[in-house]
Amino acid sequence: MSFFSKYFKKYKNKKELKKSNFGRDYGWYIEYEGKIVGELVDWKLTDMFWCSYKVVPINDELKNIVFNENLWQNCKFKFKNKKYNKYAENAFSGFAPGSLMKTKTVGMRMLYFTEL
């Protein structure tokens, strides 16, 4: 691959990432033990480095997993972008204890891509 084609590809990827708000606009799958158990959708910027996402289980049987606060606090989930099919490697969550099931939202940090 020539220098110009690498440069053009990198430029195109950066433009695509900006357009999708670094992957946030497409949403994320929540993966646990290699299986998709839920989704993070409808993000909102809540603080300087934090975004809030609505947590949606894939089906009712998975509610116990998706809303298990211990799993979130111990970083047991992986987050895969719905469009790019890539994982956000350094993402982690934060919420007030006891609020996850009530609000069905979770604060996330570093849940975005800087490159494709």
N, C-alpha and C. Protein backbone atom coordinates (compact mmCIF):
# COMPACT_ATOMS: atom_id res chain seq x y z
N MET A 1 0.85 -1.17 0.00
CA MET A 1 0.00 0.00 0.00
C MET A 1 0.89 1.24 0.00
N SER A 2 0.61 2.15 -0.87
CA SER A 2 1.44 3.34 -0.99
C SER A 2 1.17 4.34 0.15
N PHE A 3 2.05 5.27 0.28
CA PHE A 3 1.92 6.30 1.31
C PHE A 3 0.60 7.06 1.16
N PHE A 4 0.27 7.42 -0.07
CA PHE A 4 -0.94 8.22 -0.30
C PHE A 4 -2.21 7.43 -0.02
N SER A 5 -2.23 6.16 -0.37
CA SER A 5 -3.43 5.36 -0.09
C SER A 5 -3.59 5.15 1.41
N LYS A 6 -2.50 4.98 2.16
CA LYS A 6 -2.58 4.86 3.62
C LYS A 6 -3.08 6.16 4.22
N TYR A 7 -2.54 7.27 3.73
CA TYR A 7 -2.94 8.58 4.23
C TYR A 7 -4.43 8.83 3.95
N PHE A 8 -4.87 8.49 2.73
CA PHE A 8 -6.27 8.71 2.35
C PHE A 8 -7.19 7.83 3.21
N LYS A 9 -6.80 6.59 3.44
CA LYS A 9 -7.61 5.69 4.26
C LYS A 9 -7.72 6.23 5.69
N LYS A 10 -6.61 6.68 6.24
CA LYS A 10 -6.60 7.23 7.59
C LYS A 10 -7.49 8.47 7.67
N TYR A 11 -7.40 9.34 6.67
CA TYR A 11 -8.23 10.54 6.61
C TYR A 11 -9.71 10.16 6.53
N LYS A 12 -10.04 9.21 5.69
CA LYS A 12 -11.43 8.77 5.51
C LYS A 12 -11.98 8.18 6.81
N ASN A 13 -11.17 7.37 7.50
CA ASN A 13 -11.60 6.78 8.77
C ASN A 13 -11.84 7.85 9.83
N LYS A 14 -10.97 8.84 9.91
CA LYS A 14 -11.15 9.92 10.88
C LYS A 14 -12.43 10.69 10.60
N LYS A 15 -12.69 10.94 9.33
CA LYS A 15 -13.90 11.66 8.95
C LYS A 15 -15.14 10.85 9.33
N GLU A 16 -15.10 9.56 9.07
CA GLU A 16 -16.21 8.66 9.43
C GLU A 16 -16.43 8.64 10.94
N LEU A 17 -15.35 8.56 11.71
CA LEU A 17 -15.48 8.55 13.16
C LEU A 17 -16.10 9.83 13.69
N LYS A 18 -15.67 10.97 13.16
CA LYS A 18 -16.26 12.24 13.59
C LYS A 18 -17.75 12.28 13.28
N LYS A 19 -18.12 11.80 12.09
CA LYS A 19 -19.52 11.79 11.67
C LYS A 19 -20.38 10.95 12.62
N SER A 20 -19.83 9.86 13.13
CA SER A 20 -20.58 8.96 14.01
C SER A 20 -20.36 9.28 15.48
N ASN A 21 -19.76 10.43 15.75
CA ASN A 21 -19.40 10.82 17.11
C ASN A 21 -18.56 9.74 17.77
N PHE A 22 -17.55 9.32 17.03
CA PHE A 22 -16.55 8.35 17.48
C PHE A 22 -17.17 7.00 17.83
N GLY A 23 -18.23 6.64 17.08
CA GLY A 23 -18.90 5.35 17.23
C GLY A 23 -20.11 5.38 18.14
N ARG A 24 -20.28 6.44 18.90
CA ARG A 24 -21.37 6.50 19.88
C ARG A 24 -22.75 6.46 19.24
N ASP A 25 -22.92 7.13 18.11
CA ASP A 25 -24.25 7.25 17.50
C ASP A 25 -24.82 5.92 17.03
N TYR A 26 -23.98 4.93 16.80
CA TYR A 26 -24.46 3.63 16.33
C TYR A 26 -24.89 2.71 17.46
N GLY A 27 -24.50 3.00 18.68
CA GLY A 27 -24.87 2.15 19.81
C GLY A 27 -23.87 1.02 20.01
N TRP A 28 -24.05 0.30 21.10
CA TRP A 28 -23.10 -0.74 21.50
C TRP A 28 -23.83 -2.00 21.95
N TYR A 29 -23.26 -3.13 21.63
CA TYR A 29 -23.73 -4.39 22.20
C TYR A 29 -23.02 -4.62 23.52
N ILE A 30 -23.73 -5.16 24.49
CA ILE A 30 -23.14 -5.57 25.76
C ILE A 30 -22.89 -7.07 25.65
N GLU A 31 -21.65 -7.47 25.83
CA GLU A 31 -21.28 -8.87 25.69
C GLU A 31 -20.82 -9.40 27.04
N TYR A 32 -21.29 -10.60 27.38
CA TYR A 32 -20.90 -11.26 28.63
C TYR A 32 -20.59 -12.72 28.33
N GLU A 33 -19.41 -13.14 28.68
CA GLU A 33 -18.94 -14.51 28.44
C GLU A 33 -19.14 -14.93 26.99
N GLY A 34 -18.83 -14.03 26.07
CA GLY A 34 -18.88 -14.32 24.65
C GLY A 34 -20.25 -14.25 24.00
N LYS A 35 -21.28 -13.86 24.75
CA LYS A 35 -22.64 -13.77 24.21
C LYS A 35 -23.17 -12.35 24.37
N ILE A 36 -23.91 -11.89 23.37
CA ILE A 36 -24.55 -10.57 23.45
C ILE A 36 -25.77 -10.69 24.35
N VAL A 37 -25.78 -9.89 25.41
CA VAL A 37 -26.87 -9.96 26.39
C VAL A 37 -27.71 -8.69 26.42
N GLY A 38 -27.21 -7.61 25.82
CA GLY A 38 -27.96 -6.37 25.85
C GLY A 38 -27.35 -5.32 24.94
N GLU A 39 -27.91 -4.13 25.03
CA GLU A 39 -27.45 -3.02 24.20
C GLU A 39 -27.37 -1.75 25.04
N LEU A 40 -26.48 -0.86 24.64
CA LEU A 40 -26.42 0.49 25.18
C LEU A 40 -26.87 1.42 24.06
N VAL A 41 -27.92 2.18 24.31
CA VAL A 41 -28.50 3.05 23.28
C VAL A 41 -28.81 4.42 23.87
N ASP A 42 -29.18 5.36 23.01
CA ASP A 42 -29.63 6.70 23.40
C ASP A 42 -28.65 7.39 24.35
N TRP A 43 -27.45 7.59 23.87
CA TRP A 43 -26.42 8.19 24.73
C TRP A 43 -26.64 9.69 24.89
N LYS A 44 -26.18 10.19 26.04
CA LYS A 44 -26.20 11.62 26.34
C LYS A 44 -24.91 11.97 27.05
N LEU A 45 -24.36 13.09 26.72
CA LEU A 45 -23.19 13.59 27.43
C LEU A 45 -23.65 14.10 28.79
N THR A 46 -23.06 13.57 29.87
CA THR A 46 -23.51 13.95 31.21
C THR A 46 -22.48 14.74 31.99
N ASP A 47 -21.23 14.56 31.67
CA ASP A 47 -20.16 15.27 32.35
C ASP A 47 -18.99 15.37 31.38
N MET A 48 -17.94 15.97 31.80
CA MET A 48 -16.82 16.22 30.89
C MET A 48 -16.36 14.96 30.16
N PHE A 49 -16.21 13.87 30.84
CA PHE A 49 -15.71 12.65 30.21
C PHE A 49 -16.69 11.48 30.30
N TRP A 50 -17.90 11.72 30.73
CA TRP A 50 -18.88 10.66 30.94
C TRP A 50 -20.08 10.82 30.01
N CYS A 51 -20.60 9.68 29.57
CA CYS A 51 -21.84 9.63 28.80
C CYS A 51 -22.78 8.67 29.49
N SER A 52 -24.05 8.96 29.42
CA SER A 52 -25.08 8.10 29.99
C SER A 52 -25.74 7.33 28.85
N TYR A 53 -25.97 6.04 29.05
CA TYR A 53 -26.62 5.19 28.06
C TYR A 53 -27.81 4.48 28.68
N LYS A 54 -28.83 4.29 27.89
CA LYS A 54 -29.96 3.45 28.30
C LYS A 54 -29.53 2.00 28.12
N VAL A 55 -29.78 1.17 29.14
CA VAL A 55 -29.41 -0.24 29.10
C VAL A 55 -30.65 -1.05 28.71
N VAL A 56 -30.52 -1.84 27.63
CA VAL A 56 -31.64 -2.62 27.13
C VAL A 56 -31.22 -4.08 26.99
N PRO A 57 -31.84 -4.99 27.76
CA PRO A 57 -31.51 -6.41 27.58
C PRO A 57 -32.04 -6.92 26.25
N ILE A 58 -31.37 -7.92 25.68
CA ILE A 58 -31.81 -8.50 24.40
C ILE A 58 -33.15 -9.21 24.57
N ASN A 59 -33.35 -9.88 25.71
CA ASN A 59 -34.64 -10.50 26.02
C ASN A 59 -34.84 -10.52 27.53
N ASP A 60 -36.03 -10.87 27.97
CA ASP A 60 -36.36 -10.82 29.40
C ASP A 60 -35.54 -11.78 30.25
N GLU A 61 -35.14 -12.91 29.70
CA GLU A 61 -34.35 -13.87 30.48
C GLU A 61 -32.98 -13.31 30.87
N LEU A 62 -32.49 -12.33 30.13
CA LEU A 62 -31.16 -11.78 30.37
C LEU A 62 -31.15 -10.56 31.29
N LYS A 63 -32.31 -10.17 31.79
CA LYS A 63 -32.38 -9.01 32.69
C LYS A 63 -31.50 -9.20 33.92
N ASN A 64 -31.47 -10.41 34.47
CA ASN A 64 -30.67 -10.67 35.68
C ASN A 64 -29.20 -10.41 35.44
N ILE A 65 -28.73 -10.69 34.25
CA ILE A 65 -27.32 -10.46 33.92
C ILE A 65 -27.08 -8.98 33.63
N VAL A 66 -27.90 -8.41 32.77
CA VAL A 66 -27.68 -7.04 32.31
C VAL A 66 -27.80 -6.02 33.44
N PHE A 67 -28.67 -6.27 34.40
CA PHE A 67 -28.85 -5.32 35.49
C PHE A 67 -28.16 -5.75 36.79
N ASN A 68 -27.22 -6.66 36.69
CA ASN A 68 -26.44 -7.11 37.85
C ASN A 68 -25.33 -6.09 38.12
N GLU A 69 -25.48 -5.34 39.18
CA GLU A 69 -24.53 -4.26 39.49
C GLU A 69 -23.11 -4.78 39.75
N ASN A 70 -22.99 -5.97 40.33
CA ASN A 70 -21.65 -6.53 40.59
C ASN A 70 -20.89 -6.78 39.30
N LEU A 71 -21.58 -7.26 38.28
CA LEU A 71 -20.92 -7.50 36.99
C LEU A 71 -20.42 -6.19 36.39
N TRP A 72 -21.22 -5.13 36.50
CA TRP A 72 -20.81 -3.82 35.99
C TRP A 72 -19.62 -3.28 36.77
N GLN A 73 -19.70 -3.37 38.10
CA GLN A 73 -18.63 -2.82 38.94
C GLN A 73 -17.32 -3.57 38.77
N ASN A 74 -17.39 -4.85 38.44
CA ASN A 74 -16.18 -5.66 38.27
C ASN A 74 -15.73 -5.74 36.81
N CYS A 75 -16.31 -4.90 35.96
CA CYS A 75 -15.92 -4.79 34.54
C CYS A 75 -15.98 -6.14 33.82
N LYS A 76 -17.07 -6.87 33.99
CA LYS A 76 -17.21 -8.19 33.38
C LYS A 76 -17.79 -8.13 31.96
N PHE A 77 -18.24 -6.97 31.54
CA PHE A 77 -18.84 -6.83 30.21
C PHE A 77 -17.83 -6.30 29.20
N LYS A 78 -18.05 -6.67 27.96
CA LYS A 78 -17.30 -6.09 26.84
C LYS A 78 -18.30 -5.32 26.00
N PHE A 79 -17.82 -4.30 25.30
CA PHE A 79 -18.72 -3.45 24.53
C PHE A 79 -18.28 -3.42 23.08
N LYS A 80 -19.17 -3.89 22.21
CA LYS A 80 -18.88 -3.99 20.78
C LYS A 80 -19.77 -3.01 20.03
N ASN A 81 -19.16 -2.21 19.18
CA ASN A 81 -19.92 -1.24 18.40
C ASN A 81 -20.79 -1.95 17.38
N LYS A 82 -22.04 -1.50 17.24
CA LYS A 82 -22.99 -2.15 16.35
C LYS A 82 -22.61 -2.03 14.88
N LYS A 83 -22.01 -0.93 14.49
CA LYS A 83 -21.65 -0.76 13.08
C LYS A 83 -20.25 -1.28 12.78
N TYR A 84 -19.28 -0.88 13.57
CA TYR A 84 -17.89 -1.19 13.26
C TYR A 84 -17.47 -2.58 13.70
N ASN A 85 -18.28 -3.24 14.52
CA ASN A 85 -18.00 -4.61 14.95
C ASN A 85 -16.64 -4.72 15.65
N LYS A 86 -16.26 -3.67 16.35
CA LYS A 86 -15.01 -3.62 17.11
C LYS A 86 -15.34 -3.35 18.57
N TYR A 87 -14.43 -3.79 19.44
CA TYR A 87 -14.61 -3.57 20.86
C TYR A 87 -13.95 -2.26 21.30
N ALA A 88 -14.58 -1.62 22.27
CA ALA A 88 -13.98 -0.48 22.95
C ALA A 88 -13.18 -1.08 24.10
N GLU A 89 -11.88 -1.07 23.97
CA GLU A 89 -11.01 -1.82 24.88
C GLU A 89 -10.96 -1.28 26.31
N ASN A 90 -11.05 0.01 26.51
CA ASN A 90 -10.81 0.59 27.83
C ASN A 90 -12.05 1.15 28.51
N ALA A 91 -13.23 0.82 28.01
CA ALA A 91 -14.47 1.38 28.56
C ALA A 91 -14.77 0.82 29.95
N PHE A 92 -15.32 1.70 30.80
CA PHE A 92 -15.78 1.24 32.11
C PHE A 92 -17.00 2.06 32.52
N SER A 93 -17.74 1.51 33.49
CA SER A 93 -19.01 2.11 33.88
C SER A 93 -18.94 2.76 35.25
N GLY A 94 -19.96 3.53 35.54
CA GLY A 94 -20.12 4.15 36.84
C GLY A 94 -21.57 4.52 37.08
N PHE A 95 -22.04 4.29 38.29
CA PHE A 95 -23.42 4.62 38.65
C PHE A 95 -23.52 4.58 40.17
N ALA A 96 -24.56 5.18 40.69
CA ALA A 96 -24.80 5.15 42.14
C ALA A 96 -25.32 3.76 42.51
N PRO A 97 -24.79 3.16 43.58
CA PRO A 97 -25.26 1.84 43.99
C PRO A 97 -26.78 1.82 44.17
N GLY A 98 -27.40 0.80 43.61
CA GLY A 98 -28.85 0.64 43.71
C GLY A 98 -29.64 1.36 42.64
N SER A 99 -28.98 2.11 41.78
CA SER A 99 -29.72 2.92 40.79
C SER A 99 -29.88 2.25 39.43
N LEU A 100 -29.09 1.24 39.14
CA LEU A 100 -29.10 0.65 37.80
C LEU A 100 -30.47 0.10 37.42
N MET A 101 -31.07 -0.67 38.28
CA MET A 101 -32.37 -1.27 37.98
C MET A 101 -33.48 -0.21 37.95
N LYS A 102 -33.36 0.83 38.80
CA LYS A 102 -34.38 1.88 38.84
C LYS A 102 -34.34 2.74 37.58
N THR A 103 -33.16 3.21 37.21
CA THR A 103 -33.05 4.15 36.10
C THR A 103 -32.86 3.47 34.74
N LYS A 104 -32.35 2.24 34.78
CA LYS A 104 -32.02 1.49 33.55
C LYS A 104 -31.05 2.26 32.66
N THR A 105 -30.20 3.06 33.32
CA THR A 105 -29.15 3.78 32.62
C THR A 105 -27.83 3.56 33.34
N VAL A 106 -26.76 3.72 32.59
CA VAL A 106 -25.43 3.56 33.15
C VAL A 106 -24.53 4.65 32.58
N GLY A 107 -23.67 5.16 33.44
CA GLY A 107 -22.66 6.11 32.98
C GLY A 107 -21.47 5.34 32.44
N MET A 108 -20.95 5.77 31.30
CA MET A 108 -19.81 5.09 30.69
C MET A 108 -18.71 6.10 30.40
N ARG A 109 -17.51 5.63 30.59
CA ARG A 109 -16.34 6.45 30.27
C ARG A 109 -15.47 5.67 29.30
N MET A 110 -14.88 6.38 28.37
CA MET A 110 -13.99 5.81 27.35
C MET A 110 -14.69 4.82 26.41
N LEU A 111 -15.99 4.98 26.25
CA LEU A 111 -16.73 4.13 25.32
C LEU A 111 -16.85 4.85 23.98
N TYR A 112 -15.75 4.83 23.25
CA TYR A 112 -15.67 5.48 21.95
C TYR A 112 -14.41 4.96 21.26
N PHE A 113 -14.26 5.32 19.99
CA PHE A 113 -13.06 4.95 19.24
C PHE A 113 -12.27 6.20 18.87
N THR A 114 -10.97 6.07 18.86
CA THR A 114 -10.12 7.15 18.37
C THR A 114 -9.60 6.81 16.98
N GLU A 115 -9.69 5.56 16.60
CA GLU A 115 -9.31 5.14 15.26
C GLU A 115 -10.01 3.84 14.91
N LEU A 116 -10.12 3.59 13.62
CA LEU A 116 -10.76 2.34 13.16
C LEU A 116 -9.72 1.32 12.79
